[in-house]
Amino acid sequence: MDYSKPTLLVIYGPNGAGKSTHIQTMLPDAFEGIFSFDRDNTRVAFESELESQGLSETIIVARATRMMEEKLFEEMRKAIVVKEHFVLETPLSHRDYWRYIDMFETADIRFSLLSLFR
């Protein structure tokens, strides 16, 4: 595929398929220096930040998930504004993912789906 124009590269597969483990070795050369947005690692980092606030586990998970989604949206908007490649790893298990793909398509940035299964 021609990656000379900005592209949203969606790497998807079920949990445990190795997306996070192998993603950097799977990226095309045009994506050198671009790191994928890892929803799980980002959410866990936010959970760690929130744990010191004495909140219940349920509230921590809900807030961390919301913070992660806000960060993802912010990073995607930045990539769209500067017309830069963006990599998203996901299980594509929720319809919100398609909303993200639509954001890039609306900005005339193409997308490519790469599946990973074990």
PDB file of N, CA and C in Angstrom:
ATOM      1  N   MET A   1       0.839  -1.182   0.000  1.00  0.00           N
ATOM      2  CA  MET A   1       0.000   0.000   0.000  1.00  0.00           C
ATOM      3  C   MET A   1       0.885   1.248   0.000  1.00  0.00           C
ATOM      4  N   ASP A   2       0.405   2.280  -0.632  1.00  0.00           N
ATOM      5  CA  ASP A   2       1.130   3.540  -0.704  1.00  0.00           C
ATOM      6  C   ASP A   2       0.840   4.356   0.554  1.00  0.00           C
ATOM      7  N   TYR A   3       1.865   4.591   1.370  1.00  0.00           N
ATOM      8  CA  TYR A   3       1.710   5.372   2.598  1.00  0.00           C
ATOM      9  C   TYR A   3       2.306   6.766   2.457  1.00  0.00           C
ATOM     10  N   SER A   4       2.369   7.285   1.235  1.00  0.00           N
ATOM     11  CA  SER A   4       2.927   8.621   1.043  1.00  0.00           C
ATOM     12  C   SER A   4       1.982   9.703   1.560  1.00  0.00           C
ATOM     13  N   LYS A   5       0.707   9.374   1.717  1.00  0.00           N
ATOM     14  CA  LYS A   5      -0.268  10.303   2.289  1.00  0.00           C
ATOM     15  C   LYS A   5      -0.603   9.855   3.710  1.00  0.00           C
ATOM     16  N   PRO A   6      -1.049  10.780   4.559  1.00  0.00           N
ATOM     17  CA  PRO A   6      -1.393  10.408   5.937  1.00  0.00           C
ATOM     18  C   PRO A   6      -2.413   9.276   5.973  1.00  0.00           C
ATOM     19  N   THR A   7      -2.176   8.351   6.871  1.00  0.00           N
ATOM     20  CA  THR A   7      -3.009   7.155   6.959  1.00  0.00           C
ATOM     21  C   THR A   7      -3.265   6.808   8.415  1.00  0.00           C
ATOM     22  N   LEU A   8      -4.483   6.433   8.687  1.00  0.00           N
ATOM     23  CA  LEU A   8      -4.820   5.819   9.972  1.00  0.00           C
ATOM     24  C   LEU A   8      -4.631   4.327   9.776  1.00  0.00           C
ATOM     25  N   LEU A   9      -3.708   3.748  10.503  1.00  0.00           N
ATOM     26  CA  LEU A   9      -3.470   2.313  10.435  1.00  0.00           C
ATOM     27  C   LEU A   9      -4.077   1.688  11.683  1.00  0.00           C
ATOM     28  N   VAL A  10      -5.096   0.874  11.482  1.00  0.00           N
ATOM     29  CA  VAL A  10      -5.784   0.211  12.585  1.00  0.00           C
ATOM     30  C   VAL A  10      -5.313  -1.231  12.622  1.00  0.00           C
ATOM     31  N   ILE A  11      -4.641  -1.583  13.698  1.00  0.00           N
ATOM     32  CA  ILE A  11      -4.191  -2.959  13.888  1.00  0.00           C
ATOM     33  C   ILE A  11      -5.154  -3.598  14.877  1.00  0.00           C
ATOM     34  N   TYR A  12      -5.868  -4.594  14.402  1.00  0.00           N
ATOM     35  CA  TYR A  12      -6.909  -5.169  15.243  1.00  0.00           C
ATOM     36  C   TYR A  12      -6.768  -6.681  15.350  1.00  0.00           C
ATOM     37  N   GLY A  13      -7.337  -7.186  16.417  1.00  0.00           N
ATOM     38  CA  GLY A  13      -7.352  -8.614  16.677  1.00  0.00           C
ATOM     39  C   GLY A  13      -7.839  -8.833  18.090  1.00  0.00           C
ATOM     40  N   PRO A  14      -8.109 -10.075  18.428  1.00  0.00           N
ATOM     41  CA  PRO A  14      -8.627 -10.362  19.764  1.00  0.00           C
ATOM     42  C   PRO A  14      -7.575 -10.107  20.845  1.00  0.00           C
ATOM     43  N   ASN A  15      -8.053  -9.960  22.070  1.00  0.00           N
ATOM     44  CA  ASN A  15      -7.142  -9.821  23.204  1.00  0.00           C
ATOM     45  C   ASN A  15      -6.195 -11.017  23.228  1.00  0.00           C
ATOM     46  N   GLY A  16      -4.927 -10.746  23.486  1.00  0.00           N
ATOM     47  CA  GLY A  16      -3.938 -11.816  23.563  1.00  0.00           C
ATOM     48  C   GLY A  16      -3.345 -12.225  22.229  1.00  0.00           C
ATOM     49  N   ALA A  17      -3.715 -11.556  21.146  1.00  0.00           N
ATOM     50  CA  ALA A  17      -3.204 -11.930  19.822  1.00  0.00           C
ATOM     51  C   ALA A  17      -1.770 -11.450  19.598  1.00  0.00           C
ATOM     52  N   GLY A  18      -1.286 -10.525  20.439  1.00  0.00           N
ATOM     53  CA  GLY A  18       0.080 -10.038  20.304  1.00  0.00           C
ATOM     54  C   GLY A  18       0.190  -8.662  19.669  1.00  0.00           C
ATOM     55  N   LYS A  19      -0.909  -7.920  19.644  1.00  0.00           N
ATOM     56  CA  LYS A  19      -0.871  -6.588  19.028  1.00  0.00           C
ATOM     57  C   LYS A  19       0.183  -5.702  19.692  1.00  0.00           C
ATOM     58  N   SER A  20       0.124  -5.560  20.991  1.00  0.00           N
ATOM     59  CA  SER A  20       1.077  -4.699  21.708  1.00  0.00           C
ATOM     60  C   SER A  20       2.497  -5.233  21.608  1.00  0.00           C
ATOM     61  N   THR A  21       2.633  -6.534  21.654  1.00  0.00           N
ATOM     62  CA  THR A  21       3.957  -7.164  21.632  1.00  0.00           C
ATOM     63  C   THR A  21       4.658  -6.961  20.296  1.00  0.00           C
ATOM     64  N   HIS A  22       3.928  -7.088  19.209  1.00  0.00           N
ATOM     65  CA  HIS A  22       4.562  -7.113  17.887  1.00  0.00           C
ATOM     66  C   HIS A  22       4.339  -5.873  17.037  1.00  0.00           C
ATOM     67  N   ILE A  23       3.596  -4.909  17.530  1.00  0.00           N
ATOM     68  CA  ILE A  23       3.167  -3.799  16.678  1.00  0.00           C
ATOM     69  C   ILE A  23       4.322  -3.022  16.056  1.00  0.00           C
ATOM     70  N   GLN A  24       5.345  -2.686  16.813  1.00  0.00           N
ATOM     71  CA  GLN A  24       6.425  -1.861  16.265  1.00  0.00           C
ATOM     72  C   GLN A  24       7.186  -2.588  15.150  1.00  0.00           C
ATOM     73  N   THR A  25       7.234  -3.915  15.200  1.00  0.00           N
ATOM     74  CA  THR A  25       7.924  -4.653  14.138  1.00  0.00           C
ATOM     75  C   THR A  25       7.042  -4.832  12.906  1.00  0.00           C
ATOM     76  N   MET A  26       5.745  -4.560  13.035  1.00  0.00           N
ATOM     77  CA  MET A  26       4.802  -4.740  11.930  1.00  0.00           C
ATOM     78  C   MET A  26       4.572  -3.465  11.133  1.00  0.00           C
ATOM     79  N   LEU A  27       4.994  -2.323  11.657  1.00  0.00           N
ATOM     80  CA  LEU A  27       4.676  -1.058  11.000  1.00  0.00           C
ATOM     81  C   LEU A  27       5.479  -0.881   9.711  1.00  0.00           C
ATOM     82  N   PRO A  28       4.836  -0.326   8.686  1.00  0.00           N
ATOM     83  CA  PRO A  28       5.557  -0.023   7.446  1.00  0.00           C
ATOM     84  C   PRO A  28       6.653   1.010   7.695  1.00  0.00           C
ATOM     85  N   ASP A  29       7.661   1.044   6.837  1.00  0.00           N
ATOM     86  CA  ASP A  29       8.771   1.990   6.980  1.00  0.00           C
ATOM     87  C   ASP A  29       8.293   3.434   7.071  1.00  0.00           C
ATOM     88  N   ALA A  30       7.228   3.773   6.371  1.00  0.00           N
ATOM     89  CA  ALA A  30       6.708   5.148   6.380  1.00  0.00           C
ATOM     90  C   ALA A  30       6.246   5.573   7.771  1.00  0.00           C
ATOM     91  N   PHE A  31       6.058   4.628   8.657  1.00  0.00           N
ATOM     92  CA  PHE A  31       5.581   4.916  10.011  1.00  0.00           C
ATOM     93  C   PHE A  31       6.714   4.980  11.029  1.00  0.00           C
ATOM     94  N   GLU A  32       7.946   5.018  10.552  1.00  0.00           N
ATOM     95  CA  GLU A  32       9.086   5.095  11.468  1.00  0.00           C
ATOM     96  C   GLU A  32       8.944   6.314  12.380  1.00  0.00           C
ATOM     97  N   GLY A  33       9.102   6.091  13.673  1.00  0.00           N
ATOM     98  CA  GLY A  33       8.971   7.161  14.645  1.00  0.00           C
ATOM     99  C   GLY A  33       7.546   7.385  15.135  1.00  0.00           C
ATOM    100  N   ILE A  34       6.591   6.705  14.536  1.00  0.00           N
ATOM    101  CA  ILE A  34       5.192   6.811  14.948  1.00  0.00           C
ATOM    102  C   ILE A  34       4.906   5.626  15.866  1.00  0.00           C
ATOM    103  N   PHE A  35       4.392   5.898  17.045  1.00  0.00           N
ATOM    104  CA  PHE A  35       4.071   4.831  17.971  1.00  0.00           C
ATOM    105  C   PHE A  35       2.564   4.668  18.066  1.00  0.00           C
ATOM    106  N   SER A  36       2.142   3.460  18.279  1.00  0.00           N
ATOM    107  CA  SER A  36       0.707   3.206  18.339  1.00  0.00           C
ATOM    108  C   SER A  36       0.133   3.693  19.657  1.00  0.00           C
ATOM    109  N   PHE A  37      -1.122   4.076  19.602  1.00  0.00           N
ATOM    110  CA  PHE A  37      -1.834   4.424  20.821  1.00  0.00           C
ATOM    111  C   PHE A  37      -2.356   3.126  21.404  1.00  0.00           C
ATOM    112  N   ASP A  38      -1.813   2.747  22.546  1.00  0.00           N
ATOM    113  CA  ASP A  38      -2.201   1.510  23.215  1.00  0.00           C
ATOM    114  C   ASP A  38      -3.218   1.857  24.296  1.00  0.00           C
ATOM    115  N   ARG A  39      -4.454   1.548  24.027  1.00  0.00           N
ATOM    116  CA  ARG A  39      -5.540   1.886  24.949  1.00  0.00           C
ATOM    117  C   ARG A  39      -5.325   1.239  26.314  1.00  0.00           C
ATOM    118  N   ASP A  40      -4.932  -0.023  26.336  1.00  0.00           N
ATOM    119  CA  ASP A  40      -4.765  -0.742  27.607  1.00  0.00           C
ATOM    120  C   ASP A  40      -3.665  -0.118  28.462  1.00  0.00           C
ATOM    121  N   ASN A  41      -2.489   0.096  27.869  1.00  0.00           N
ATOM    122  CA  ASN A  41      -1.383   0.671  28.643  1.00  0.00           C
ATOM    123  C   ASN A  41      -1.702   2.078  29.129  1.00  0.00           C
ATOM    124  N   THR A  42      -2.389   2.849  28.308  1.00  0.00           N
ATOM    125  CA  THR A  42      -2.750   4.214  28.688  1.00  0.00           C
ATOM    126  C   THR A  42      -3.744   4.192  29.848  1.00  0.00           C
ATOM    127  N   ARG A  43      -4.732   3.308  29.763  1.00  0.00           N
ATOM    128  CA  ARG A  43      -5.726   3.209  30.846  1.00  0.00           C
ATOM    129  C   ARG A  43      -5.071   2.759  32.147  1.00  0.00           C
ATOM    130  N   VAL A  44      -4.176   1.795  32.076  1.00  0.00           N
ATOM    131  CA  VAL A  44      -3.484   1.307  33.270  1.00  0.00           C
ATOM    132  C   VAL A  44      -2.635   2.416  33.892  1.00  0.00           C
ATOM    133  N   ALA A  45      -1.997   3.235  33.069  1.00  0.00           N
ATOM    134  CA  ALA A  45      -1.209   4.351  33.594  1.00  0.00           C
ATOM    135  C   ALA A  45      -2.107   5.336  34.335  1.00  0.00           C
ATOM    136  N   PHE A  46      -3.273   5.620  33.778  1.00  0.00           N
ATOM    137  CA  PHE A  46      -4.217   6.514  34.463  1.00  0.00           C
ATOM    138  C   PHE A  46      -4.749   5.869  35.750  1.00  0.00           C
ATOM    139  N   GLU A  47      -4.978   4.574  35.731  1.00  0.00           N
ATOM    140  CA  GLU A  47      -5.423   3.886  36.956  1.00  0.00           C
ATOM    141  C   GLU A  47      -4.381   4.037  38.055  1.00  0.00           C
ATOM    142  N   SER A  48      -3.114   3.889  37.696  1.00  0.00           N
ATOM    143  CA  SER A  48      -2.033   4.033  38.676  1.00  0.00           C
ATOM    144  C   SER A  48      -2.022   5.437  39.277  1.00  0.00           C
ATOM    145  N   GLU A  49      -2.237   6.446  38.442  1.00  0.00           N
ATOM    146  CA  GLU A  49      -2.282   7.823  38.934  1.00  0.00           C
ATOM    147  C   GLU A  49      -3.440   8.018  39.918  1.00  0.00           C
ATOM    148  N   LEU A  50      -4.574   7.397  39.642  1.00  0.00           N
ATOM    149  CA  LEU A  50      -5.782   7.598  40.442  1.00  0.00           C
ATOM    150  C   LEU A  50      -5.792   6.797  41.749  1.00  0.00           C
ATOM    151  N   GLU A  51      -5.015   5.732  41.824  1.00  0.00           N
ATOM    152  CA  GLU A  51      -5.031   4.862  43.008  1.00  0.00           C
ATOM    153  C   GLU A  51      -4.686   5.599  44.293  1.00  0.00           C
ATOM    154  N   SER A  52      -3.836   6.590  44.206  1.00  0.00           N
ATOM    155  CA  SER A  52      -3.420   7.317  45.407  1.00  0.00           C
ATOM    156  C   SER A  52      -4.504   8.238  45.966  1.00  0.00           C
ATOM    157  N   GLN A  53      -5.615   8.360  45.253  1.00  0.00           N
ATOM    158  CA  GLN A  53      -6.679   9.264  45.682  1.00  0.00           C
ATOM    159  C   GLN A  53      -7.709   8.596  46.589  1.00  0.00           C
ATOM    160  N   GLY A  54      -7.506   7.322  46.920  1.00  0.00           N
ATOM    161  CA  GLY A  54      -8.404   6.625  47.829  1.00  0.00           C
ATOM    162  C   GLY A  54      -9.785   6.349  47.255  1.00  0.00           C
ATOM    163  N   LEU A  55      -9.883   6.241  45.945  1.00  0.00           N
ATOM    164  CA  LEU A  55     -11.162   5.980  45.291  1.00  0.00           C
ATOM    165  C   LEU A  55     -11.434   4.481  45.224  1.00  0.00           C
ATOM    166  N   SER A  56     -12.682   4.121  45.060  1.00  0.00           N
ATOM    167  CA  SER A  56     -13.025   2.706  44.910  1.00  0.00           C
ATOM    168  C   SER A  56     -12.519   2.205  43.552  1.00  0.00           C
ATOM    169  N   GLU A  57     -12.335   0.907  43.471  1.00  0.00           N
ATOM    170  CA  GLU A  57     -11.863   0.272  42.231  1.00  0.00           C
ATOM    171  C   GLU A  57     -12.790   0.607  41.060  1.00  0.00           C
ATOM    172  N   THR A  58     -14.075   0.576  41.296  1.00  0.00           N
ATOM    173  CA  THR A  58     -15.060   0.855  40.247  1.00  0.00           C
ATOM    174  C   THR A  58     -14.900   2.266  39.711  1.00  0.00           C
ATOM    175  N   ILE A  59     -14.725   3.221  40.602  1.00  0.00           N
ATOM    176  CA  ILE A  59     -14.567   4.619  40.186  1.00  0.00           C
ATOM    177  C   ILE A  59     -13.236   4.807  39.469  1.00  0.00           C
ATOM    178  N   ILE A  60     -12.187   4.175  39.968  1.00  0.00           N
ATOM    179  CA  ILE A  60     -10.871   4.278  39.335  1.00  0.00           C
ATOM    180  C   ILE A  60     -10.944   3.782  37.887  1.00  0.00           C
ATOM    181  N   VAL A  61     -11.530   2.617  37.686  1.00  0.00           N
ATOM    182  CA  VAL A  61     -11.614   2.040  36.336  1.00  0.00           C
ATOM    183  C   VAL A  61     -12.429   2.950  35.414  1.00  0.00           C
ATOM    184  N   ALA A  62     -13.572   3.439  35.917  1.00  0.00           N
ATOM    185  CA  ALA A  62     -14.429   4.311  35.094  1.00  0.00           C
ATOM    186  C   ALA A  62     -13.707   5.609  34.721  1.00  0.00           C
ATOM    187  N   ARG A  63     -13.061   6.236  35.696  1.00  0.00           N
ATOM    188  CA  ARG A  63     -12.360   7.499  35.426  1.00  0.00           C
ATOM    189  C   ARG A  63     -11.162   7.288  34.507  1.00  0.00           C
ATOM    190  N   ALA A  64     -10.411   6.229  34.770  1.00  0.00           N
ATOM    191  CA  ALA A  64      -9.237   5.948  33.942  1.00  0.00           C
ATOM    192  C   ALA A  64      -9.650   5.666  32.495  1.00  0.00           C
ATOM    193  N   THR A  65     -10.748   4.968  32.324  1.00  0.00           N
ATOM    194  CA  THR A  65     -11.248   4.681  30.977  1.00  0.00           C
ATOM    195  C   THR A  65     -11.649   5.973  30.282  1.00  0.00           C
ATOM    196  N   ARG A  66     -12.342   6.854  30.990  1.00  0.00           N
ATOM    197  CA  ARG A  66     -12.746   8.135  30.413  1.00  0.00           C
ATOM    198  C   ARG A  66     -11.507   8.973  30.067  1.00  0.00           C
ATOM    199  N   MET A  67     -10.513   8.991  30.949  1.00  0.00           N
ATOM    200  CA  MET A  67      -9.288   9.753  30.706  1.00  0.00           C
ATOM    201  C   MET A  67      -8.553   9.207  29.480  1.00  0.00           C
ATOM    202  N   MET A  68      -8.520   7.885  29.356  1.00  0.00           N
ATOM    203  CA  MET A  68      -7.863   7.259  28.214  1.00  0.00           C
ATOM    204  C   MET A  68      -8.570   7.637  26.921  1.00  0.00           C
ATOM    205  N   GLU A  69      -9.908   7.600  26.921  1.00  0.00           N
ATOM    206  CA  GLU A  69     -10.669   7.965  25.725  1.00  0.00           C
ATOM    207  C   GLU A  69     -10.429   9.425  25.351  1.00  0.00           C
ATOM    208  N   GLU A  70     -10.366  10.296  26.344  1.00  0.00           N
ATOM    209  CA  GLU A  70     -10.093  11.713  26.083  1.00  0.00           C
ATOM    210  C   GLU A  70      -8.697  11.894  25.491  1.00  0.00           C
ATOM    211  N   LYS A  71      -7.725  11.160  26.020  1.00  0.00           N
ATOM    212  CA  LYS A  71      -6.350  11.235  25.511  1.00  0.00           C
ATOM    213  C   LYS A  71      -6.288  10.699  24.075  1.00  0.00           C
ATOM    214  N   LEU A  72      -6.973   9.609  23.815  1.00  0.00           N
ATOM    215  CA  LEU A  72      -7.005   9.045  22.465  1.00  0.00           C
ATOM    216  C   LEU A  72      -7.598  10.060  21.490  1.00  0.00           C
ATOM    217  N   PHE A  73      -8.726  10.652  21.847  1.00  0.00           N
ATOM    218  CA  PHE A  73      -9.371  11.627  20.992  1.00  0.00           C
ATOM    219  C   PHE A  73      -8.440  12.814  20.729  1.00  0.00           C
ATOM    220  N   GLU A  74      -7.770  13.291  21.785  1.00  0.00           N
ATOM    221  CA  GLU A  74      -6.822  14.408  21.660  1.00  0.00           C
ATOM    222  C   GLU A  74      -5.682  14.059  20.705  1.00  0.00           C
ATOM    223  N   GLU A  75      -5.111  12.872  20.852  1.00  0.00           N
ATOM    224  CA  GLU A  75      -3.999  12.459  19.994  1.00  0.00           C
ATOM    225  C   GLU A  75      -4.456  12.285  18.544  1.00  0.00           C
ATOM    226  N   MET A  76      -5.656  11.767  18.354  1.00  0.00           N
ATOM    227  CA  MET A  76      -6.176  11.608  16.995  1.00  0.00           C
ATOM    228  C   MET A  76      -6.411  12.970  16.346  1.00  0.00           C
ATOM    229  N   ARG A  77      -6.986  13.898  17.094  1.00  0.00           N
ATOM    230  CA  ARG A  77      -7.227  15.243  16.563  1.00  0.00           C
ATOM    231  C   ARG A  77      -5.909  15.901  16.148  1.00  0.00           C
ATOM    232  N   LYS A  78      -4.868  15.730  16.969  1.00  0.00           N
ATOM    233  CA  LYS A  78      -3.548  16.290  16.627  1.00  0.00           C
ATOM    234  C   LYS A  78      -3.056  15.716  15.302  1.00  0.00           C
ATOM    235  N   ALA A  79      -3.154  14.399  15.154  1.00  0.00           N
ATOM    236  CA  ALA A  79      -2.695  13.746  13.921  1.00  0.00           C
ATOM    237  C   ALA A  79      -3.485  14.236  12.712  1.00  0.00           C
ATOM    238  N   ILE A  80      -4.775  14.444  12.891  1.00  0.00           N
ATOM    239  CA  ILE A  80      -5.611  14.940  11.785  1.00  0.00           C
ATOM    240  C   ILE A  80      -5.220  16.357  11.413  1.00  0.00           C
ATOM    241  N   VAL A  81      -5.012  17.209  12.400  1.00  0.00           N
ATOM    242  CA  VAL A  81      -4.675  18.620  12.143  1.00  0.00           C
ATOM    243  C   VAL A  81      -3.355  18.739  11.391  1.00  0.00           C
ATOM    244  N   VAL A  82      -2.354  17.969  11.802  1.00  0.00           N
ATOM    245  CA  VAL A  82      -1.039  18.076  11.154  1.00  0.00           C
ATOM    246  C   VAL A  82      -0.878  17.098   9.996  1.00  0.00           C
ATOM    247  N   LYS A  83      -1.959  16.362   9.682  1.00  0.00           N
ATOM    248  CA  LYS A  83      -1.950  15.397   8.564  1.00  0.00           C
ATOM    249  C   LYS A  83      -0.803  14.396   8.721  1.00  0.00           C
ATOM    250  N   GLU A  84      -0.829  13.698   9.845  1.00  0.00           N
ATOM    251  CA  GLU A  84       0.226  12.760  10.202  1.00  0.00           C
ATOM    252  C   GLU A  84      -0.351  11.345  10.298  1.00  0.00           C
ATOM    253  N   HIS A  85       0.490  10.367  10.044  1.00  0.00           N
ATOM    254  CA  HIS A  85       0.073   8.983  10.245  1.00  0.00           C
ATOM    255  C   HIS A  85      -0.348   8.785  11.699  1.00  0.00           C
ATOM    256  N   PHE A  86      -1.271   7.851  11.912  1.00  0.00           N
ATOM    257  CA  PHE A  86      -1.680   7.501  13.267  1.00  0.00           C
ATOM    258  C   PHE A  86      -1.909   6.007  13.309  1.00  0.00           C
ATOM    259  N   VAL A  87      -1.476   5.380  14.398  1.00  0.00           N
ATOM    260  CA  VAL A  87      -1.633   3.935  14.565  1.00  0.00           C
ATOM    261  C   VAL A  87      -2.487   3.680  15.789  1.00  0.00           C
ATOM    262  N   LEU A  88      -3.524   2.885  15.599  1.00  0.00           N
ATOM    263  CA  LEU A  88      -4.411   2.513  16.689  1.00  0.00           C
ATOM    264  C   LEU A  88      -4.484   1.001  16.759  1.00  0.00           C
ATOM    265  N   GLU A  89      -4.180   0.468  17.938  1.00  0.00           N
ATOM    266  CA  GLU A  89      -4.370  -0.973  18.120  1.00  0.00           C
ATOM    267  C   GLU A  89      -5.630  -1.181  18.924  1.00  0.00           C
ATOM    268  N   THR A  90      -6.414  -2.156  18.512  1.00  0.00           N
ATOM    269  CA  THR A  90      -7.733  -2.331  19.092  1.00  0.00           C
ATOM    270  C   THR A  90      -8.298  -3.717  18.786  1.00  0.00           C
ATOM    271  N   PRO A  91      -9.196  -4.197  19.641  1.00  0.00           N
ATOM    272  CA  PRO A  91      -9.904  -5.428  19.290  1.00  0.00           C
ATOM    273  C   PRO A  91     -11.121  -5.143  18.397  1.00  0.00           C
ATOM    274  N   LEU A  92     -11.416  -3.861  18.122  1.00  0.00           N
ATOM    275  CA  LEU A  92     -12.608  -3.451  17.368  1.00  0.00           C
ATOM    276  C   LEU A  92     -13.870  -4.057  17.970  1.00  0.00           C
ATOM    277  N   SER A  93     -13.920  -4.053  19.284  1.00  0.00           N
ATOM    278  CA  SER A  93     -15.027  -4.712  19.977  1.00  0.00           C
ATOM    279  C   SER A  93     -16.173  -3.780  20.338  1.00  0.00           C
ATOM    280  N   HIS A  94     -16.046  -2.508  19.993  1.00  0.00           N
ATOM    281  CA  HIS A  94     -17.086  -1.552  20.348  1.00  0.00           C
ATOM    282  C   HIS A  94     -17.317  -0.615  19.168  1.00  0.00           C
ATOM    283  N   ARG A  95     -18.533  -0.166  18.991  1.00  0.00           N
ATOM    284  CA  ARG A  95     -18.843   0.674  17.827  1.00  0.00           C
ATOM    285  C   ARG A  95     -18.137   2.028  17.861  1.00  0.00           C
ATOM    286  N   ASP A  96     -17.647   2.480  19.018  1.00  0.00           N
ATOM    287  CA  ASP A  96     -16.904   3.744  19.074  1.00  0.00           C
ATOM    288  C   ASP A  96     -15.682   3.725  18.167  1.00  0.00           C
ATOM    289  N   TYR A  97     -15.112   2.559  17.955  1.00  0.00           N
ATOM    290  CA  TYR A  97     -13.930   2.482  17.092  1.00  0.00           C
ATOM    291  C   TYR A  97     -14.252   2.975  15.690  1.00  0.00           C
ATOM    292  N   TRP A  98     -15.436   2.675  15.213  1.00  0.00           N
ATOM    293  CA  TRP A  98     -15.822   3.102  13.866  1.00  0.00           C
ATOM    294  C   TRP A  98     -15.992   4.615  13.819  1.00  0.00           C
ATOM    295  N   ARG A  99     -16.407   5.206  14.937  1.00  0.00           N
ATOM    296  CA  ARG A  99     -16.509   6.666  15.018  1.00  0.00           C
ATOM    297  C   ARG A  99     -15.124   7.282  14.837  1.00  0.00           C
ATOM    298  N   TYR A 100     -14.103   6.671  15.415  1.00  0.00           N
ATOM    299  CA  TYR A 100     -12.740   7.175  15.271  1.00  0.00           C
ATOM    300  C   TYR A 100     -12.282   7.082  13.816  1.00  0.00           C
ATOM    301  N   ILE A 101     -12.574   5.972  13.184  1.00  0.00           N
ATOM    302  CA  ILE A 101     -12.211   5.809  11.771  1.00  0.00           C
ATOM    303  C   ILE A 101     -12.916   6.875  10.935  1.00  0.00           C
ATOM    304  N   ASP A 102     -14.177   7.136  11.239  1.00  0.00           N
ATOM    305  CA  ASP A 102     -14.927   8.170  10.519  1.00  0.00           C
ATOM    306  C   ASP A 102     -14.284   9.548  10.663  1.00  0.00           C
ATOM    307  N   MET A 103     -13.707   9.846  11.823  1.00  0.00           N
ATOM    308  CA  MET A 103     -13.030  11.137  12.030  1.00  0.00           C
ATOM    309  C   MET A 103     -11.931  11.330  10.981  1.00  0.00           C
ATOM    310  N   PHE A 104     -11.159  10.285  10.733  1.00  0.00           N
ATOM    311  CA  PHE A 104     -10.069  10.372   9.774  1.00  0.00           C
ATOM    312  C   PHE A 104     -10.607  10.449   8.349  1.00  0.00           C
ATOM    313  N   GLU A 105     -11.603   9.647   8.049  1.00  0.00           N
ATOM    314  CA  GLU A 105     -12.184   9.682   6.710  1.00  0.00           C
ATOM    315  C   GLU A 105     -12.784  11.057   6.399  1.00  0.00           C
ATOM    316  N   THR A 106     -13.455  11.650   7.368  1.00  0.00           N
ATOM    317  CA  THR A 106     -14.047  12.974   7.187  1.00  0.00           C
ATOM    318  C   THR A 106     -12.970  14.011   6.885  1.00  0.00           C
ATOM    319  N   ALA A 107     -11.783  13.818   7.447  1.00  0.00           N
ATOM    320  CA  ALA A 107     -10.657  14.733   7.218  1.00  0.00           C
ATOM    321  C   ALA A 107      -9.877  14.362   5.955  1.00  0.00           C
ATOM    322  N   ASP A 108     -10.433  13.443   5.166  1.00  0.00           N
ATOM    323  CA  ASP A 108      -9.809  12.979   3.926  1.00  0.00           C
ATOM    324  C   ASP A 108      -8.469  12.291   4.172  1.00  0.00           C
ATOM    325  N   ILE A 109      -8.384  11.596   5.305  1.00  0.00           N
ATOM    326  CA  ILE A 109      -7.213  10.767   5.615  1.00  0.00           C
ATOM    327  C   ILE A 109      -7.666   9.319   5.488  1.00  0.00           C
ATOM    328  N   ARG A 110      -6.946   8.572   4.706  1.00  0.00           N
ATOM    329  CA  ARG A 110      -7.371   7.204   4.490  1.00  0.00           C
ATOM    330  C   ARG A 110      -7.027   6.320   5.670  1.00  0.00           C
ATOM    331  N   PHE A 111      -7.625   5.150   5.654  1.00  0.00           N
ATOM    332  CA  PHE A 111      -7.303   4.207   6.713  1.00  0.00           C
ATOM    333  C   PHE A 111      -7.043   2.840   6.117  1.00  0.00           C
ATOM    334  N   SER A 112      -6.286   2.080   6.865  1.00  0.00           N
ATOM    335  CA  SER A 112      -5.952   0.721   6.490  1.00  0.00           C
ATOM    336  C   SER A 112      -6.141  -0.176   7.703  1.00  0.00           C
ATOM    337  N   LEU A 113      -6.727  -1.333   7.496  1.00  0.00           N
ATOM    338  CA  LEU A 113      -6.940  -2.291   8.571  1.00  0.00           C
ATOM    339  C   LEU A 113      -5.943  -3.429   8.431  1.00  0.00           C
ATOM    340  N   LEU A 114      -5.287  -3.753   9.525  1.00  0.00           N
ATOM    341  CA  LEU A 114      -4.342  -4.864   9.563  1.00  0.00           C
ATOM    342  C   LEU A 114      -4.771  -5.781  10.689  1.00  0.00           C
ATOM    343  N   SER A 115      -5.093  -7.019  10.345  1.00  0.00           N
ATOM    344  CA  SER A 115      -5.565  -7.946  11.385  1.00  0.00           C
ATOM    345  C   SER A 115      -4.426  -8.798  11.900  1.00  0.00           C
ATOM    346  N   LEU A 116      -4.535  -9.142  13.176  1.00  0.00           N
ATOM    347  CA  LEU A 116      -3.538  -9.984  13.823  1.00  0.00           C
ATOM    348  C   LEU A 116      -4.280 -11.016  14.672  1.00  0.00           C
ATOM    349  N   PHE A 117      -4.083 -12.260  14.352  1.00  0.00           N
ATOM    350  CA  PHE A 117      -4.693 -13.358  15.097  1.00  0.00           C
ATOM    351  C   PHE A 117      -3.622 -14.374  15.407  1.00  0.00           C
ATOM    352  N   ARG A 118      -3.818 -15.082  16.509  1.00  0.00           N
ATOM    353  CA  ARG A 118      -2.835 -16.135  16.793  1.00  0.00           C
ATOM    354  C   ARG A 118      -3.474 -17.478  16.699  1.00  0.00           C
TER     355      ARG A 118
END
